[in-house]
């Protein structure tokens, strides 16, 4: 819907830029008829020029629809900086489900789980949207049906974690180990696995955007079989033989 709106605005803007001179020229012709000015007709474009300008506007719209920009996960920009860790908060390293909804990863304060050890944690159905994880150990954690929208999930240990039926959209796993992780039927749109170790992970029936799918298929660690489900990692993504 947003893309269609952008295309509409671009078409309207370009069309206005091209068509406006025509309308202005027509006004000048009317003025020349009233005041007897000569030569105003030279500013009026021919029908061929008029429709040519509309054709250019249409091409701009089609270009936006055919080549949309990929969604960027949080933390994928070079200038992305994290605030200092508040180590004075003794209750910081705990999995808490947000009560504010996952649409915009809204929380009343920063959800920081950096450098926390939560191996084997159980958080099925939790809303963990907007969570920040770096050097975090959540290996073998139960994240089935959990929400990780806009999660910063870098340089962490997710080995053996179960994300079945979870929504992990617009997140980034750069530098993280996902060996043996399970993403069966998970929503992974806009999520980046660039620089992540996904050997032995199971992506069966996962929803992955075309842009991220291409990058995932290029990941050299996309190989092996999941130790729990037995699924072939590369074929579970749908990449085919390497």
C-alpha atoms as a PDB file:
ATOM      1  CA  UNK A   1       0.000   0.000   0.000  1.00  0.00           C
ATOM      2  CA  UNK A   2       2.822   2.458   0.900  1.00  0.00           C
ATOM      3  CA  UNK A   3       4.601   1.652  -2.348  1.00  0.00           C
ATOM      4  CA  UNK A   4       1.476   2.289  -4.386  1.00  0.00           C
ATOM      5  CA  UNK A   5       0.992   5.616  -2.615  1.00  0.00           C
ATOM      6  CA  UNK A   6       4.597   6.652  -3.337  1.00  0.00           C
ATOM      7  CA  UNK A   7       4.147   5.696  -6.993  1.00  0.00           C
ATOM      8  CA  UNK A   8       0.945   7.746  -7.156  1.00  0.00           C
ATOM      9  CA  UNK A   9       2.620  10.794  -5.625  1.00  0.00           C
ATOM     10  CA  UNK A  10       5.573  10.476  -8.002  1.00  0.00           C
ATOM     11  CA  UNK A  11       3.271  10.156 -10.997  1.00  0.00           C
ATOM     12  CA  UNK A  12       1.232  13.172  -9.890  1.00  0.00           C
ATOM     13  CA  UNK A  13       4.350  15.259  -9.284  1.00  0.00           C
ATOM     14  CA  UNK A  14       5.968  14.444 -12.610  1.00  0.00           C
ATOM     15  CA  UNK A  15       2.710  14.812 -14.510  1.00  0.00           C
ATOM     16  CA  UNK A  16       2.110  18.181 -12.876  1.00  0.00           C
ATOM     17  CA  UNK A  17       5.597  19.336 -13.802  1.00  0.00           C
ATOM     18  CA  UNK A  18       5.064  18.383 -17.437  1.00  0.00           C
ATOM     19  CA  UNK A  19       1.425  19.329 -17.820  1.00  0.00           C
ATOM     20  CA  UNK A  20       1.624  22.623 -15.928  1.00  0.00           C
ATOM     21  CA  UNK A  21       3.382  24.380 -18.832  1.00  0.00           C
ATOM     22  CA  UNK A  22       0.484  23.339 -21.074  1.00  0.00           C
ATOM     23  CA  UNK A  23      -2.085  24.857 -18.753  1.00  0.00           C
ATOM     24  CA  UNK A  24       0.016  27.993 -18.372  1.00  0.00           C
ATOM     25  CA  UNK A  25       0.314  28.278 -22.144  1.00  0.00           C
ATOM     26  CA  UNK A  26      -3.428  27.930 -22.530  1.00  0.00           C
ATOM     27  CA  UNK A  27      -3.915  30.756 -20.019  1.00  0.00           C
ATOM     28  CA  UNK A  28      -1.511  32.897 -21.983  1.00  0.00           C
ATOM     29  CA  UNK A  29      -3.475  32.234 -25.157  1.00  0.00           C
ATOM     30  CA  UNK A  30      -6.642  33.388 -23.414  1.00  0.00           C
ATOM     31  CA  UNK A  31      -4.869  36.501 -22.208  1.00  0.00           C
ATOM     32  CA  UNK A  32      -3.484  37.206 -25.682  1.00  0.00           C
ATOM     33  CA  UNK A  33      -6.961  36.917 -27.123  1.00  0.00           C
ATOM     34  CA  UNK A  34      -8.202  39.503 -24.641  1.00  0.00           C
ATOM     35  CA  UNK A  35      -5.304  41.929 -24.870  1.00  0.00           C
ATOM     36  CA  UNK A  36      -4.249  41.395 -28.479  1.00  0.00           C
ATOM     37  CA  UNK A  37      -0.798  40.011 -27.713  1.00  0.00           C
ATOM     38  CA  UNK A  38       0.957  38.209 -30.530  1.00  0.00           C
ATOM     39  CA  UNK A  39       3.257  35.206 -30.310  1.00  0.00           C
ATOM     40  CA  UNK A  40       1.772  33.533 -27.218  1.00  0.00           C
ATOM     41  CA  UNK A  41       0.847  30.545 -29.359  1.00  0.00           C
ATOM     42  CA  UNK A  42       4.522  29.599 -29.567  1.00  0.00           C
ATOM     43  CA  UNK A  43       4.487  28.462 -25.897  1.00  0.00           C
ATOM     44  CA  UNK A  44       1.682  25.950 -26.425  1.00  0.00           C
ATOM     45  CA  UNK A  45       2.896  22.342 -26.902  1.00  0.00           C
ATOM     46  CA  UNK A  46       1.544  20.125 -29.602  1.00  0.00           C
ATOM     47  CA  UNK A  47      -0.672  17.114 -28.740  1.00  0.00           C
ATOM     48  CA  UNK A  48       2.326  14.829 -29.346  1.00  0.00           C
ATOM     49  CA  UNK A  49       4.423  16.731 -26.792  1.00  0.00           C
ATOM     50  CA  UNK A  50       1.539  16.734 -24.314  1.00  0.00           C
ATOM     51  CA  UNK A  51       1.022  12.966 -24.411  1.00  0.00           C
ATOM     52  CA  UNK A  52       4.776  12.409 -24.464  1.00  0.00           C
ATOM     53  CA  UNK A  53       5.052  14.162 -21.135  1.00  0.00           C
ATOM     54  CA  UNK A  54       2.301  11.999 -19.666  1.00  0.00           C
ATOM     55  CA  UNK A  55       4.129   8.904 -20.923  1.00  0.00           C
ATOM     56  CA  UNK A  56       7.280   9.937 -19.041  1.00  0.00           C
ATOM     57  CA  UNK A  57       5.268  10.364 -15.843  1.00  0.00           C
ATOM     58  CA  UNK A  58       3.800   6.883 -16.278  1.00  0.00           C
ATOM     59  CA  UNK A  59       7.282   5.390 -16.743  1.00  0.00           C
ATOM     60  CA  UNK A  60       8.410   6.889 -13.441  1.00  0.00           C
ATOM     61  CA  UNK A  61       5.473   5.238 -11.678  1.00  0.00           C
ATOM     62  CA  UNK A  62       6.130   1.841 -13.287  1.00  0.00           C
ATOM     63  CA  UNK A  63       9.801   2.050 -12.352  1.00  0.00           C
ATOM     64  CA  UNK A  64       8.949   2.542  -8.673  1.00  0.00           C
ATOM     65  CA  UNK A  65       6.579  -0.403  -8.685  1.00  0.00           C
ATOM     66  CA  UNK A  66       8.927  -2.737 -10.555  1.00  0.00           C
ATOM     67  CA  UNK A  67      12.046  -1.919  -8.534  1.00  0.00           C
ATOM     68  CA  UNK A  68      11.048  -1.241  -4.911  1.00  0.00           C
ATOM     69  CA  UNK A  69      13.739  -0.571  -2.343  1.00  0.00           C
ATOM     70  CA  UNK A  70      14.339  -3.472   0.088  1.00  0.00           C
ATOM     71  CA  UNK A  71      13.193  -3.130   3.678  1.00  0.00           C
ATOM     72  CA  UNK A  72      16.087  -2.443   5.996  1.00  0.00           C
ATOM     73  CA  UNK A  73      16.349  -4.161   9.355  1.00  0.00           C
ATOM     74  CA  UNK A  74      17.213  -2.129  12.438  1.00  0.00           C
ATOM     75  CA  UNK A  75      20.974  -1.991  12.873  1.00  0.00           C
ATOM     76  CA  UNK A  76      21.770  -2.466   9.171  1.00  0.00           C
ATOM     77  CA  UNK A  77      23.043   1.060   8.709  1.00  0.00           C
ATOM     78  CA  UNK A  78      26.667   2.001   9.363  1.00  0.00           C
ATOM     79  CA  UNK A  79      25.735   4.930  11.606  1.00  0.00           C
ATOM     80  CA  UNK A  80      23.541   2.828  13.934  1.00  0.00           C
ATOM     81  CA  UNK A  81      24.871   3.291  17.486  1.00  0.00           C
ATOM     82  CA  UNK A  82      23.710   1.674  20.710  1.00  0.00           C
ATOM     83  CA  UNK A  83      23.528   3.447  24.065  1.00  0.00           C
ATOM     84  CA  UNK A  84      25.700   2.296  27.003  1.00  0.00           C
ATOM     85  CA  UNK A  85      24.510  -0.756  28.944  1.00  0.00           C
ATOM     86  CA  UNK A  86      22.804   0.129  32.207  1.00  0.00           C
ATOM     87  CA  UNK A  87      24.449  -2.500  34.407  1.00  0.00           C
ATOM     88  CA  UNK A  88      22.947  -0.926  37.526  1.00  0.00           C
ATOM     89  CA  UNK A  89      19.593  -2.493  36.585  1.00  0.00           C
ATOM     90  CA  UNK A  90      19.746  -5.884  38.303  1.00  0.00           C
ATOM     91  CA  UNK A  91      16.513  -7.051  36.674  1.00  0.00           C
ATOM     92  CA  UNK A  92      17.645  -6.159  33.159  1.00  0.00           C
ATOM     93  CA  UNK A  93      18.490  -9.721  32.067  1.00  0.00           C
ATOM     94  CA  UNK A  94      14.993 -11.175  31.998  1.00  0.00           C
ATOM     95  CA  UNK A  95      12.539 -11.977  29.215  1.00  0.00           C
ATOM     96  CA  UNK A  96       9.485  -9.758  29.538  1.00  0.00           C
ATOM     97  CA  UNK A  97       6.614  -9.631  27.077  1.00  0.00           C
ATOM     98  CA  UNK A  98       5.611  -6.148  25.953  1.00  0.00           C
ATOM     99  CA  UNK A  99       2.043  -5.115  26.776  1.00  0.00           C
ATOM    100  CA  UNK A 100       2.079  -2.267  24.259  1.00  0.00           C
ATOM    101  CA  UNK A 101       1.799  -4.250  21.032  1.00  0.00           C
ATOM    102  CA  UNK A 102       4.437  -5.233  18.492  1.00  0.00           C
ATOM    103  CA  UNK A 103       3.512  -3.047  15.507  1.00  0.00           C
ATOM    104  CA  UNK A 104       6.138  -0.386  16.182  1.00  0.00           C
ATOM    105  CA  UNK A 105       8.205  -2.175  18.834  1.00  0.00           C
ATOM    106  CA  UNK A 106       6.828   0.314  21.369  1.00  0.00           C
ATOM    107  CA  UNK A 107       7.987   0.103  24.988  1.00  0.00           C
ATOM    108  CA  UNK A 108       8.122   2.446  27.942  1.00  0.00           C
ATOM    109  CA  UNK A 109      11.926   2.042  28.088  1.00  0.00           C
ATOM    110  CA  UNK A 110      14.824   0.441  26.203  1.00  0.00           C
ATOM    111  CA  UNK A 111      14.620  -3.363  26.207  1.00  0.00           C
ATOM    112  CA  UNK A 112      18.297  -4.201  26.579  1.00  0.00           C
ATOM    113  CA  UNK A 113      19.445  -7.824  26.892  1.00  0.00           C
ATOM    114  CA  UNK A 114      23.055  -7.273  25.864  1.00  0.00           C
ATOM    115  CA  UNK A 115      25.599  -9.579  27.517  1.00  0.00           C
ATOM    116  CA  UNK A 116      22.840 -11.556  29.256  1.00  0.00           C
ATOM    117  CA  UNK A 117      22.940 -15.331  29.774  1.00  0.00           C
ATOM    118  CA  UNK A 118      19.479 -16.779  29.108  1.00  0.00           C
ATOM    119  CA  UNK A 119      20.298 -20.211  27.691  1.00  0.00           C
ATOM    120  CA  UNK A 120      17.293 -22.539  27.696  1.00  0.00           C
ATOM    121  CA  UNK A 121      14.875 -19.716  28.505  1.00  0.00           C
ATOM    122  CA  UNK A 122      11.178 -20.221  27.810  1.00  0.00           C
ATOM    123  CA  UNK A 123       9.297 -17.381  26.129  1.00  0.00           C
ATOM    124  CA  UNK A 124       6.640 -18.890  23.833  1.00  0.00           C
ATOM    125  CA  UNK A 125       4.271 -16.254  22.490  1.00  0.00           C
ATOM    126  CA  UNK A 126       6.198 -13.407  24.138  1.00  0.00           C
ATOM    127  CA  UNK A 127       6.266 -10.003  22.491  1.00  0.00           C
ATOM    128  CA  UNK A 128       9.987  -9.202  22.432  1.00  0.00           C
ATOM    129  CA  UNK A 129       9.744  -6.558  19.728  1.00  0.00           C
ATOM    130  CA  UNK A 130      12.492  -3.961  19.741  1.00  0.00           C
ATOM    131  CA  UNK A 131      14.777  -6.084  21.919  1.00  0.00           C
ATOM    132  CA  UNK A 132      18.510  -5.404  21.768  1.00  0.00           C
ATOM    133  CA  UNK A 133      20.772  -8.448  21.941  1.00  0.00           C
ATOM    134  CA  UNK A 134      24.542  -8.374  21.569  1.00  0.00           C
ATOM    135  CA  UNK A 135      26.833 -11.006  23.080  1.00  0.00           C
ATOM    136  CA  UNK A 136      23.655 -12.532  24.472  1.00  0.00           C
ATOM    137  CA  UNK A 137      23.299 -16.272  25.087  1.00  0.00           C
ATOM    138  CA  UNK A 138      19.785 -17.520  24.308  1.00  0.00           C
ATOM    139  CA  UNK A 139      20.846 -20.911  22.994  1.00  0.00           C
ATOM    140  CA  UNK A 140      18.150 -23.608  23.111  1.00  0.00           C
ATOM    141  CA  UNK A 141      15.565 -20.983  24.064  1.00  0.00           C
ATOM    142  CA  UNK A 142      11.879 -21.516  23.312  1.00  0.00           C
ATOM    143  CA  UNK A 143      10.689 -18.628  21.153  1.00  0.00           C
ATOM    144  CA  UNK A 144       7.774 -20.393  19.479  1.00  0.00           C
ATOM    145  CA  UNK A 145       5.110 -17.902  18.305  1.00  0.00           C
ATOM    146  CA  UNK A 146       7.115 -15.020  19.775  1.00  0.00           C
ATOM    147  CA  UNK A 147       7.414 -11.529  18.258  1.00  0.00           C
ATOM    148  CA  UNK A 148      10.811 -10.042  17.410  1.00  0.00           C
ATOM    149  CA  UNK A 149       9.815  -7.126  15.188  1.00  0.00           C
ATOM    150  CA  UNK A 150      12.677  -4.643  14.716  1.00  0.00           C
ATOM    151  CA  UNK A 151      14.940  -6.755  16.911  1.00  0.00           C
ATOM    152  CA  UNK A 152      18.665  -5.995  17.103  1.00  0.00           C
ATOM    153  CA  UNK A 153      19.936  -9.584  17.357  1.00  0.00           C
ATOM    154  CA  UNK A 154      23.632  -9.302  16.543  1.00  0.00           C
ATOM    155  CA  UNK A 155      26.741 -11.151  17.738  1.00  0.00           C
ATOM    156  CA  UNK A 156      24.673 -13.466  19.931  1.00  0.00           C
ATOM    157  CA  UNK A 157      24.211 -17.190  20.507  1.00  0.00           C
ATOM    158  CA  UNK A 158      20.902 -18.552  19.179  1.00  0.00           C
ATOM    159  CA  UNK A 159      22.118 -22.111  18.672  1.00  0.00           C
ATOM    160  CA  UNK A 160      19.266 -24.592  18.920  1.00  0.00           C
ATOM    161  CA  UNK A 161      16.686 -21.872  19.587  1.00  0.00           C
ATOM    162  CA  UNK A 162      13.154 -22.600  18.378  1.00  0.00           C
ATOM    163  CA  UNK A 163      11.450 -19.773  16.440  1.00  0.00           C
ATOM    164  CA  UNK A 164       8.626 -21.914  15.022  1.00  0.00           C
ATOM    165  CA  UNK A 165       5.607 -19.781  13.994  1.00  0.00           C
ATOM    166  CA  UNK A 166       7.372 -16.679  15.317  1.00  0.00           C
ATOM    167  CA  UNK A 167       7.293 -13.225  13.717  1.00  0.00           C
ATOM    168  CA  UNK A 168      10.869 -12.040  13.274  1.00  0.00           C
ATOM    169  CA  UNK A 169      10.412  -9.195  10.802  1.00  0.00           C
ATOM    170  CA  UNK A 170      12.806  -6.276  10.176  1.00  0.00           C
ATOM    171  CA  UNK A 171      15.442  -7.789  12.454  1.00  0.00           C
ATOM    172  CA  UNK A 172      19.143  -8.433  11.931  1.00  0.00           C
ATOM    173  CA  UNK A 173      21.207 -11.475  12.984  1.00  0.00           C
ATOM    174  CA  UNK A 174      24.576 -10.161  11.808  1.00  0.00           C
ATOM    175  CA  UNK A 175      27.449 -11.987  13.523  1.00  0.00           C
ATOM    176  CA  UNK A 176      25.137 -14.344  15.439  1.00  0.00           C
ATOM    177  CA  UNK A 177      25.272 -18.140  15.566  1.00  0.00           C
ATOM    178  CA  UNK A 178      22.007 -19.807  14.553  1.00  0.00           C
ATOM    179  CA  UNK A 179      23.365 -23.320  14.258  1.00  0.00           C
ATOM    180  CA  UNK A 180      20.558 -25.823  14.639  1.00  0.00           C
ATOM    181  CA  UNK A 181      17.933 -23.115  15.125  1.00  0.00           C
ATOM    182  CA  UNK A 182      14.373 -23.775  13.944  1.00  0.00           C
ATOM    183  CA  UNK A 183      12.375 -21.221  11.941  1.00  0.00           C
ATOM    184  CA  UNK A 184       9.558 -23.466  10.751  1.00  0.00           C
ATOM    185  CA  UNK A 185       6.602 -21.412   9.466  1.00  0.00           C
ATOM    186  CA  UNK A 186       8.161 -18.216  10.835  1.00  0.00           C
ATOM    187  CA  UNK A 187       7.688 -14.760   9.284  1.00  0.00           C
ATOM    188  CA  UNK A 188      11.154 -13.422   8.395  1.00  0.00           C
ATOM    189  CA  UNK A 189      10.262 -10.541   6.074  1.00  0.00           C
ATOM    190  CA  UNK A 190      12.825  -7.760   6.014  1.00  0.00           C
ATOM    191  CA  UNK A 191      15.154  -9.770   8.272  1.00  0.00           C
ATOM    192  CA  UNK A 192      18.863 -10.037   7.489  1.00  0.00           C
ATOM    193  CA  UNK A 193      21.036 -13.126   7.998  1.00  0.00           C
ATOM    194  CA  UNK A 194      24.094 -11.548   6.384  1.00  0.00           C
ATOM    195  CA  UNK A 195      27.163 -12.491   8.418  1.00  0.00           C
ATOM    196  CA  UNK A 196      25.233 -15.023  10.524  1.00  0.00           C
ATOM    197  CA  UNK A 197      26.104 -18.715  10.944  1.00  0.00           C
ATOM    198  CA  UNK A 198      22.994 -20.632   9.872  1.00  0.00           C
ATOM    199  CA  UNK A 199      24.484 -24.102   9.484  1.00  0.00           C
ATOM    200  CA  UNK A 200      21.938 -26.768  10.417  1.00  0.00           C
ATOM    201  CA  UNK A 201      19.058 -24.278  10.746  1.00  0.00           C
ATOM    202  CA  UNK A 202      15.581 -25.282   9.569  1.00  0.00           C
ATOM    203  CA  UNK A 203      13.650 -22.688   7.512  1.00  0.00           C
ATOM    204  CA  UNK A 204      10.836 -24.987   6.368  1.00  0.00           C
ATOM    205  CA  UNK A 205       7.771 -22.983   5.224  1.00  0.00           C
ATOM    206  CA  UNK A 206       9.273 -19.728   6.526  1.00  0.00           C
ATOM    207  CA  UNK A 207       8.124 -16.492   4.861  1.00  0.00           C
ATOM    208  CA  UNK A 208      11.222 -14.707   3.534  1.00  0.00           C
ATOM    209  CA  UNK A 209      11.233 -11.653   1.257  1.00  0.00           C
ATOM    210  CA  UNK A 210      12.785 -12.067  -2.197  1.00  0.00           C
ATOM    211  CA  UNK A 211      15.631  -9.624  -1.467  1.00  0.00           C
ATOM    212  CA  UNK A 212      16.593 -11.342   1.810  1.00  0.00           C
ATOM    213  CA  UNK A 213      16.129 -14.775   0.235  1.00  0.00           C
ATOM    214  CA  UNK A 214      18.782 -13.995  -2.378  1.00  0.00           C
ATOM    215  CA  UNK A 215      21.225 -12.907   0.310  1.00  0.00           C
ATOM    216  CA  UNK A 216      20.464 -15.941   2.468  1.00  0.00           C
ATOM    217  CA  UNK A 217      21.116 -18.282  -0.452  1.00  0.00           C
ATOM    218  CA  UNK A 218      24.553 -16.667  -0.819  1.00  0.00           C
ATOM    219  CA  UNK A 219      25.424 -17.333   2.828  1.00  0.00           C
ATOM    220  CA  UNK A 220      28.318 -19.871   2.815  1.00  0.00           C
ATOM    221  CA  UNK A 221      27.115 -21.431   6.080  1.00  0.00           C
ATOM    222  CA  UNK A 222      23.747 -22.403   4.573  1.00  0.00           C
ATOM    223  CA  UNK A 223      24.390 -26.138   4.726  1.00  0.00           C
ATOM    224  CA  UNK A 224      23.971 -29.241   6.856  1.00  0.00           C
ATOM    225  CA  UNK A 225      20.879 -30.726   8.490  1.00  0.00           C
ATOM    226  CA  UNK A 226      18.920 -29.675  11.516  1.00  0.00           C
ATOM    227  CA  UNK A 227      19.789 -32.046  14.396  1.00  0.00           C
ATOM    228  CA  UNK A 228      16.214 -32.028  15.711  1.00  0.00           C
ATOM    229  CA  UNK A 229      13.984 -31.988  12.615  1.00  0.00           C
ATOM    230  CA  UNK A 230      16.398 -33.594  10.162  1.00  0.00           C
ATOM    231  CA  UNK A 231      15.589 -30.961   7.529  1.00  0.00           C
ATOM    232  CA  UNK A 232      18.243 -30.103   4.963  1.00  0.00           C
ATOM    233  CA  UNK A 233      19.118 -26.477   5.683  1.00  0.00           C
ATOM    234  CA  UNK A 234      19.675 -25.292   2.117  1.00  0.00           C
ATOM    235  CA  UNK A 235      16.618 -27.017   0.706  1.00  0.00           C
ATOM    236  CA  UNK A 236      14.442 -25.831   3.601  1.00  0.00           C
ATOM    237  CA  UNK A 237      15.079 -22.275   2.377  1.00  0.00           C
ATOM    238  CA  UNK A 238      14.352 -23.256  -1.232  1.00  0.00           C
ATOM    239  CA  UNK A 239      17.749 -22.259  -2.603  1.00  0.00           C
ATOM    240  CA  UNK A 240      18.512 -25.509  -4.409  1.00  0.00           C
ATOM    241  CA  UNK A 241      21.986 -27.053  -4.646  1.00  0.00           C
ATOM    242  CA  UNK A 242      24.966 -24.766  -4.068  1.00  0.00           C
END
